[in-house]
Amino acid sequence: MFNLFYFLFCALAISAFAAPLTEEEANAELRAAGMTQASIDGLDALSKKFATGFPLVKPDKEATDKFIADYRSESEK
């Protein structure tokens, strides 16, 4: 019984430390790495565009290819 409890406790502790960052924490880390606020905002906008746009075109191969090409060119700017 103790071994099972110990195993579950360790799994819970590991998952708590592996929790994703909040948006504020991620922005603070990017600022600490030397990124400007404008570039952080641009990166955030790109990630939101991908998260909302990609599921819409995912079923169609041609639309997916066009979306990825447009996304890539916009991210390189």
PDB file of N, CA and C in Angstrom:
ATOM      1  N   MET A   1       0.816  -1.193   0.000  1.00  0.00           N
ATOM      2  CA  MET A   1       0.000   0.000   0.000  1.00  0.00           C
ATOM      3  C   MET A   1       0.863   1.261   0.000  1.00  0.00           C
ATOM      4  N   PHE A   2       1.916   1.252   0.835  1.00  0.00           N
ATOM      5  CA  PHE A   2       2.793   2.407   0.902  1.00  0.00           C
ATOM      6  C   PHE A   2       3.491   2.644  -0.442  1.00  0.00           C
ATOM      7  N   ASN A   3       3.896   1.558  -1.110  1.00  0.00           N
ATOM      8  CA  ASN A   3       4.577   1.703  -2.401  1.00  0.00           C
ATOM      9  C   ASN A   3       3.661   2.337  -3.442  1.00  0.00           C
ATOM     10  N   LEU A   4       2.395   1.962  -3.439  1.00  0.00           N
ATOM     11  CA  LEU A   4       1.442   2.540  -4.372  1.00  0.00           C
ATOM     12  C   LEU A   4       1.241   4.027  -4.075  1.00  0.00           C
ATOM     13  N   PHE A   5       1.089   4.371  -2.796  1.00  0.00           N
ATOM     14  CA  PHE A   5       0.938   5.769  -2.414  1.00  0.00           C
ATOM     15  C   PHE A   5       2.176   6.570  -2.798  1.00  0.00           C
ATOM     16  N   TYR A   6       3.347   6.036  -2.542  1.00  0.00           N
ATOM     17  CA  TYR A   6       4.600   6.709  -2.873  1.00  0.00           C
ATOM     18  C   TYR A   6       4.716   6.936  -4.379  1.00  0.00           C
ATOM     19  N   PHE A   7       4.351   5.940  -5.162  1.00  0.00           N
ATOM     20  CA  PHE A   7       4.398   6.052  -6.609  1.00  0.00           C
ATOM     21  C   PHE A   7       3.441   7.136  -7.099  1.00  0.00           C
ATOM     22  N   LEU A   8       2.217   7.147  -6.581  1.00  0.00           N
ATOM     23  CA  LEU A   8       1.245   8.160  -6.993  1.00  0.00           C
ATOM     24  C   LEU A   8       1.677   9.561  -6.562  1.00  0.00           C
ATOM     25  N   PHE A   9       2.259   9.674  -5.376  1.00  0.00           N
ATOM     26  CA  PHE A   9       2.741  10.962  -4.903  1.00  0.00           C
ATOM     27  C   PHE A   9       3.852  11.489  -5.806  1.00  0.00           C
ATOM     28  N   CYS A  10       4.784  10.617  -6.181  1.00  0.00           N
ATOM     29  CA  CYS A  10       5.878  11.031  -7.069  1.00  0.00           C
ATOM     30  C   CYS A  10       5.349  11.442  -8.442  1.00  0.00           C
ATOM     31  N   ALA A  11       4.395  10.700  -8.955  1.00  0.00           N
ATOM     32  CA  ALA A  11       3.811  11.040 -10.255  1.00  0.00           C
ATOM     33  C   ALA A  11       3.111  12.393 -10.196  1.00  0.00           C
ATOM     34  N   LEU A  12       2.407  12.652  -9.114  1.00  0.00           N
ATOM     35  CA  LEU A  12       1.727  13.940  -8.947  1.00  0.00           C
ATOM     36  C   LEU A  12       2.735  15.082  -8.832  1.00  0.00           C
ATOM     37  N   ALA A  13       3.804  14.872  -8.089  1.00  0.00           N
ATOM     38  CA  ALA A  13       4.828  15.907  -7.937  1.00  0.00           C
ATOM     39  C   ALA A  13       5.502  16.216  -9.263  1.00  0.00           C
ATOM     40  N   ILE A  14       5.807  15.202 -10.035  1.00  0.00           N
ATOM     41  CA  ILE A  14       6.450  15.402 -11.335  1.00  0.00           C
ATOM     42  C   ILE A  14       5.516  16.142 -12.280  1.00  0.00           C
ATOM     43  N   SER A  15       4.242  15.770 -12.291  1.00  0.00           N
ATOM     44  CA  SER A  15       3.308  16.450 -13.193  1.00  0.00           C
ATOM     45  C   SER A  15       3.084  17.899 -12.779  1.00  0.00           C
ATOM     46  N   ALA A  16       3.179  18.197 -11.498  1.00  0.00           N
ATOM     47  CA  ALA A  16       3.012  19.581 -11.050  1.00  0.00           C
ATOM     48  C   ALA A  16       4.164  20.457 -11.529  1.00  0.00           C
ATOM     49  N   PHE A  17       5.365  19.914 -11.530  1.00  0.00           N
ATOM     50  CA  PHE A  17       6.515  20.684 -11.999  1.00  0.00           C
ATOM     51  C   PHE A  17       6.573  20.767 -13.515  1.00  0.00           C
ATOM     52  N   ALA A  18       5.897  19.883 -14.208  1.00  0.00           N
ATOM     53  CA  ALA A  18       5.894  19.880 -15.665  1.00  0.00           C
ATOM     54  C   ALA A  18       4.719  20.666 -16.230  1.00  0.00           C
ATOM     55  N   ALA A  19       4.001  21.384 -15.390  1.00  0.00           N
ATOM     56  CA  ALA A  19       2.847  22.146 -15.834  1.00  0.00           C
ATOM     57  C   ALA A  19       3.285  23.224 -16.823  1.00  0.00           C
ATOM     58  N   PRO A  20       2.457  23.502 -17.817  1.00  0.00           N
ATOM     59  CA  PRO A  20       2.821  24.540 -18.792  1.00  0.00           C
ATOM     60  C   PRO A  20       2.876  25.917 -18.150  1.00  0.00           C
ATOM     61  N   LEU A  21       3.646  26.781 -18.765  1.00  0.00           N
ATOM     62  CA  LEU A  21       3.784  28.150 -18.282  1.00  0.00           C
ATOM     63  C   LEU A  21       2.524  28.949 -18.568  1.00  0.00           C
ATOM     64  N   THR A  22       2.257  29.928 -17.739  1.00  0.00           N
ATOM     65  CA  THR A  22       1.184  30.857 -18.051  1.00  0.00           C
ATOM     66  C   THR A  22       1.707  31.831 -19.104  1.00  0.00           C
ATOM     67  N   GLU A  23       0.820  32.576 -19.694  1.00  0.00           N
ATOM     68  CA  GLU A  23       1.226  33.529 -20.724  1.00  0.00           C
ATOM     69  C   GLU A  23       2.167  34.591 -20.157  1.00  0.00           C
ATOM     70  N   GLU A  24       1.898  35.019 -18.932  1.00  0.00           N
ATOM     71  CA  GLU A  24       2.751  36.034 -18.315  1.00  0.00           C
ATOM     72  C   GLU A  24       4.155  35.482 -18.050  1.00  0.00           C
ATOM     73  N   GLU A  25       4.228  34.229 -17.590  1.00  0.00           N
ATOM     74  CA  GLU A  25       5.533  33.616 -17.332  1.00  0.00           C
ATOM     75  C   GLU A  25       6.323  33.436 -18.625  1.00  0.00           C
ATOM     76  N   ALA A  26       5.625  33.032 -19.673  1.00  0.00           N
ATOM     77  CA  ALA A  26       6.291  32.848 -20.958  1.00  0.00           C
ATOM     78  C   ALA A  26       6.807  34.185 -21.488  1.00  0.00           C
ATOM     79  N   ASN A  27       5.994  35.242 -21.374  1.00  0.00           N
ATOM     80  CA  ASN A  27       6.424  36.571 -21.820  1.00  0.00           C
ATOM     81  C   ASN A  27       7.623  37.051 -21.017  1.00  0.00           C
ATOM     82  N   ALA A  28       7.616  36.805 -19.725  1.00  0.00           N
ATOM     83  CA  ALA A  28       8.737  37.224 -18.877  1.00  0.00           C
ATOM     84  C   ALA A  28      10.019  36.491 -19.280  1.00  0.00           C
ATOM     85  N   GLU A  29       9.913  35.204 -19.594  1.00  0.00           N
ATOM     86  CA  GLU A  29      11.098  34.461 -20.032  1.00  0.00           C
ATOM     87  C   GLU A  29      11.616  34.962 -21.376  1.00  0.00           C
ATOM     88  N   LEU A  30      10.704  35.293 -22.284  1.00  0.00           N
ATOM     89  CA  LEU A  30      11.121  35.814 -23.581  1.00  0.00           C
ATOM     90  C   LEU A  30      11.788  37.182 -23.429  1.00  0.00           C
ATOM     91  N   ARG A  31      11.240  38.039 -22.554  1.00  0.00           N
ATOM     92  CA  ARG A  31      11.854  39.339 -22.295  1.00  0.00           C
ATOM     93  C   ARG A  31      13.236  39.166 -21.669  1.00  0.00           C
ATOM     94  N   ALA A  32      13.358  38.204 -20.765  1.00  0.00           N
ATOM     95  CA  ALA A  32      14.647  37.940 -20.125  1.00  0.00           C
ATOM     96  C   ALA A  32      15.661  37.405 -21.128  1.00  0.00           C
ATOM     97  N   ALA A  33      15.173  36.756 -22.184  1.00  0.00           N
ATOM     98  CA  ALA A  33      16.063  36.237 -23.224  1.00  0.00           C
ATOM     99  C   ALA A  33      16.490  37.320 -24.198  1.00  0.00           C
ATOM    100  N   GLY A  34      15.891  38.528 -24.081  1.00  0.00           N
ATOM    101  CA  GLY A  34      16.317  39.637 -24.919  1.00  0.00           C
ATOM    102  C   GLY A  34      15.358  40.033 -26.017  1.00  0.00           C
ATOM    103  N   MET A  35      14.179  39.437 -26.076  1.00  0.00           N
ATOM    104  CA  MET A  35      13.216  39.809 -27.108  1.00  0.00           C
ATOM    105  C   MET A  35      12.510  41.103 -26.726  1.00  0.00           C
ATOM    106  N   THR A  36      12.167  41.894 -27.732  1.00  0.00           N
ATOM    107  CA  THR A  36      11.417  43.117 -27.483  1.00  0.00           C
ATOM    108  C   THR A  36       9.934  42.772 -27.326  1.00  0.00           C
ATOM    109  N   GLN A  37       9.184  43.694 -26.742  1.00  0.00           N
ATOM    110  CA  GLN A  37       7.757  43.446 -26.551  1.00  0.00           C
ATOM    111  C   GLN A  37       7.038  43.329 -27.892  1.00  0.00           C
ATOM    112  N   ALA A  38       7.475  44.094 -28.900  1.00  0.00           N
ATOM    113  CA  ALA A  38       6.845  44.026 -30.228  1.00  0.00           C
ATOM    114  C   ALA A  38       7.042  42.647 -30.852  1.00  0.00           C
ATOM    115  N   SER A  39       8.234  42.070 -30.711  1.00  0.00           N
ATOM    116  CA  SER A  39       8.467  40.745 -31.281  1.00  0.00           C
ATOM    117  C   SER A  39       7.716  39.668 -30.505  1.00  0.00           C
ATOM    118  N   ILE A  40       7.573  39.852 -29.204  1.00  0.00           N
ATOM    119  CA  ILE A  40       6.791  38.906 -28.400  1.00  0.00           C
ATOM    120  C   ILE A  40       5.321  38.961 -28.816  1.00  0.00           C
ATOM    121  N   ASP A  41       4.807  40.171 -29.032  1.00  0.00           N
ATOM    122  CA  ASP A  41       3.420  40.317 -29.486  1.00  0.00           C
ATOM    123  C   ASP A  41       3.221  39.700 -30.860  1.00  0.00           C
ATOM    124  N   GLY A  42       4.193  39.875 -31.751  1.00  0.00           N
ATOM    125  CA  GLY A  42       4.102  39.270 -33.077  1.00  0.00           C
ATOM    126  C   GLY A  42       4.119  37.751 -33.013  1.00  0.00           C
ATOM    127  N   LEU A  43       4.952  37.199 -32.166  1.00  0.00           N
ATOM    128  CA  LEU A  43       5.013  35.750 -31.980  1.00  0.00           C
ATOM    129  C   LEU A  43       3.706  35.229 -31.411  1.00  0.00           C
ATOM    130  N   ASP A  44       3.131  35.968 -30.473  1.00  0.00           N
ATOM    131  CA  ASP A  44       1.849  35.580 -29.893  1.00  0.00           C
ATOM    132  C   ASP A  44       0.745  35.603 -30.944  1.00  0.00           C
ATOM    133  N   ALA A  45       0.742  36.629 -31.783  1.00  0.00           N
ATOM    134  CA  ALA A  45      -0.266  36.724 -32.839  1.00  0.00           C
ATOM    135  C   ALA A  45      -0.130  35.573 -33.835  1.00  0.00           C
ATOM    136  N   LEU A  46       1.108  35.230 -34.177  1.00  0.00           N
ATOM    137  CA  LEU A  46       1.317  34.111 -35.095  1.00  0.00           C
ATOM    138  C   LEU A  46       0.842  32.793 -34.497  1.00  0.00           C
ATOM    139  N   SER A  47       1.130  32.574 -33.235  1.00  0.00           N
ATOM    140  CA  SER A  47       0.711  31.312 -32.620  1.00  0.00           C
ATOM    141  C   SER A  47      -0.809  31.228 -32.516  1.00  0.00           C
ATOM    142  N   LYS A  48      -1.469  32.356 -32.226  1.00  0.00           N
ATOM    143  CA  LYS A  48      -2.936  32.356 -32.168  1.00  0.00           C
ATOM    144  C   LYS A  48      -3.534  32.158 -33.556  1.00  0.00           C
ATOM    145  N   LYS A  49      -2.898  32.748 -34.575  1.00  0.00           N
ATOM    146  CA  LYS A  49      -3.385  32.568 -35.942  1.00  0.00           C
ATOM    147  C   LYS A  49      -3.292  31.103 -36.344  1.00  0.00           C
ATOM    148  N   PHE A  50      -2.190  30.449 -35.991  1.00  0.00           N
ATOM    149  CA  PHE A  50      -2.037  29.044 -36.331  1.00  0.00           C
ATOM    150  C   PHE A  50      -3.050  28.189 -35.578  1.00  0.00           C
ATOM    151  N   ALA A  51      -3.241  28.482 -34.296  1.00  0.00           N
ATOM    152  CA  ALA A  51      -4.157  27.687 -33.473  1.00  0.00           C
ATOM    153  C   ALA A  51      -5.597  27.794 -33.952  1.00  0.00           C
ATOM    154  N   THR A  52      -5.984  28.941 -34.486  1.00  0.00           N
ATOM    155  CA  THR A  52      -7.359  29.095 -34.950  1.00  0.00           C
ATOM    156  C   THR A  52      -7.524  28.727 -36.420  1.00  0.00           C
ATOM    157  N   GLY A  53      -6.506  28.976 -37.238  1.00  0.00           N
ATOM    158  CA  GLY A  53      -6.641  28.750 -38.678  1.00  0.00           C
ATOM    159  C   GLY A  53      -6.365  27.335 -39.130  1.00  0.00           C
ATOM    160  N   PHE A  54      -5.410  26.672 -38.521  1.00  0.00           N
ATOM    161  CA  PHE A  54      -5.029  25.339 -38.991  1.00  0.00           C
ATOM    162  C   PHE A  54      -6.140  24.308 -38.857  1.00  0.00           C
ATOM    163  N   PRO A  55      -6.878  24.258 -37.750  1.00  0.00           N
ATOM    164  CA  PRO A  55      -7.953  23.257 -37.679  1.00  0.00           C
ATOM    165  C   PRO A  55      -9.022  23.427 -38.755  1.00  0.00           C
ATOM    166  N   LEU A  56      -9.189  24.645 -39.255  1.00  0.00           N
ATOM    167  CA  LEU A  56     -10.188  24.880 -40.299  1.00  0.00           C
ATOM    168  C   LEU A  56      -9.772  24.289 -41.639  1.00  0.00           C
ATOM    169  N   VAL A  57      -8.475  24.272 -41.932  1.00  0.00           N
ATOM    170  CA  VAL A  57      -8.000  23.792 -43.230  1.00  0.00           C
ATOM    171  C   VAL A  57      -7.428  22.377 -43.148  1.00  0.00           C
ATOM    172  N   LYS A  58      -7.366  21.807 -41.985  1.00  0.00           N
ATOM    173  CA  LYS A  58      -6.737  20.506 -41.781  1.00  0.00           C
ATOM    174  C   LYS A  58      -7.311  19.386 -42.658  1.00  0.00           C
ATOM    175  N   PRO A  59      -8.626  19.305 -42.865  1.00  0.00           N
ATOM    176  CA  PRO A  59      -9.151  18.201 -43.679  1.00  0.00           C
ATOM    177  C   PRO A  59      -8.761  18.264 -45.164  1.00  0.00           C
ATOM    178  N   ASP A  60      -8.447  19.446 -45.681  1.00  0.00           N
ATOM    179  CA  ASP A  60      -8.140  19.604 -47.108  1.00  0.00           C
ATOM    180  C   ASP A  60      -6.637  19.760 -47.302  1.00  0.00           C
ATOM    181  N   LYS A  61      -6.029  18.835 -48.043  1.00  0.00           N
ATOM    182  CA  LYS A  61      -4.575  18.826 -48.246  1.00  0.00           C
ATOM    183  C   LYS A  61      -4.095  20.099 -48.950  1.00  0.00           C
ATOM    184  N   GLU A  62      -4.775  20.516 -49.994  1.00  0.00           N
ATOM    185  CA  GLU A  62      -4.357  21.711 -50.730  1.00  0.00           C
ATOM    186  C   GLU A  62      -4.485  22.971 -49.868  1.00  0.00           C
ATOM    187  N   ALA A  63      -5.574  23.074 -49.120  1.00  0.00           N
ATOM    188  CA  ALA A  63      -5.765  24.232 -48.260  1.00  0.00           C
ATOM    189  C   ALA A  63      -4.723  24.241 -47.136  1.00  0.00           C
ATOM    190  N   THR A  64      -4.373  23.060 -46.641  1.00  0.00           N
ATOM    191  CA  THR A  64      -3.346  22.955 -45.599  1.00  0.00           C
ATOM    192  C   THR A  64      -2.003  23.418 -46.132  1.00  0.00           C
ATOM    193  N   ASP A  65      -1.645  22.970 -47.331  1.00  0.00           N
ATOM    194  CA  ASP A  65      -0.372  23.378 -47.928  1.00  0.00           C
ATOM    195  C   ASP A  65      -0.315  24.887 -48.139  1.00  0.00           C
ATOM    196  N   LYS A  66      -1.418  25.470 -48.627  1.00  0.00           N
ATOM    197  CA  LYS A  66      -1.462  26.919 -48.835  1.00  0.00           C
ATOM    198  C   LYS A  66      -1.371  27.662 -47.498  1.00  0.00           C
ATOM    199  N   PHE A  67      -2.085  27.173 -46.487  1.00  0.00           N
ATOM    200  CA  PHE A  67      -2.048  27.812 -45.177  1.00  0.00           C
ATOM    201  C   PHE A  67      -0.633  27.772 -44.600  1.00  0.00           C
ATOM    202  N   ILE A  68       0.040  26.635 -44.691  1.00  0.00           N
ATOM    203  CA  ILE A  68       1.400  26.502 -44.167  1.00  0.00           C
ATOM    204  C   ILE A  68       2.356  27.419 -44.927  1.00  0.00           C
ATOM    205  N   ALA A  69       2.212  27.503 -46.251  1.00  0.00           N
ATOM    206  CA  ALA A  69       3.080  28.369 -47.038  1.00  0.00           C
ATOM    207  C   ALA A  69       2.874  29.837 -46.658  1.00  0.00           C
ATOM    208  N   ASP A  70       1.618  30.255 -46.509  1.00  0.00           N
ATOM    209  CA  ASP A  70       1.326  31.633 -46.098  1.00  0.00           C
ATOM    210  C   ASP A  70       1.835  31.905 -44.683  1.00  0.00           C
ATOM    211  N   TYR A  71       1.648  30.942 -43.809  1.00  0.00           N
ATOM    212  CA  TYR A  71       2.095  31.084 -42.423  1.00  0.00           C
ATOM    213  C   TYR A  71       3.613  31.192 -42.351  1.00  0.00           C
ATOM    214  N   ARG A  72       4.283  30.376 -43.125  1.00  0.00           N
ATOM    215  CA  ARG A  72       5.757  30.411 -43.147  1.00  0.00           C
ATOM    216  C   ARG A  72       6.270  31.755 -43.652  1.00  0.00           C
ATOM    217  N   SER A  73       5.689  32.248 -44.756  1.00  0.00           N
ATOM    218  CA  SER A  73       6.147  33.524 -45.288  1.00  0.00           C
ATOM    219  C   SER A  73       5.875  34.664 -44.320  1.00  0.00           C
ATOM    220  N   GLU A  74       4.745  34.620 -43.630  1.00  0.00           N
ATOM    221  CA  GLU A  74       4.435  35.665 -42.642  1.00  0.00           C
ATOM    222  C   GLU A  74       5.365  35.580 -41.439  1.00  0.00           C
ATOM    223  N   SER A  75       5.716  34.364 -41.030  1.00  0.00           N
ATOM    224  CA  SER A  75       6.604  34.220 -39.871  1.00  0.00           C
ATOM    225  C   SER A  75       8.033  34.630 -40.179  1.00  0.00           C
ATOM    226  N   GLU A  76       8.435  34.562 -41.445  1.00  0.00           N
ATOM    227  CA  GLU A  76       9.785  34.963 -41.823  1.00  0.00           C
ATOM    228  C   GLU A  76       9.940  36.466 -41.914  1.00  0.00           C
ATOM    229  N   LYS A  77       8.839  37.208 -41.988  1.00  0.00           N
ATOM    230  CA  LYS A  77       8.896  38.671 -42.108  1.00  0.00           C
ATOM    231  C   LYS A  77       9.337  39.307 -40.824  1.00  0.00           C
TER     232      LYS A  77
END
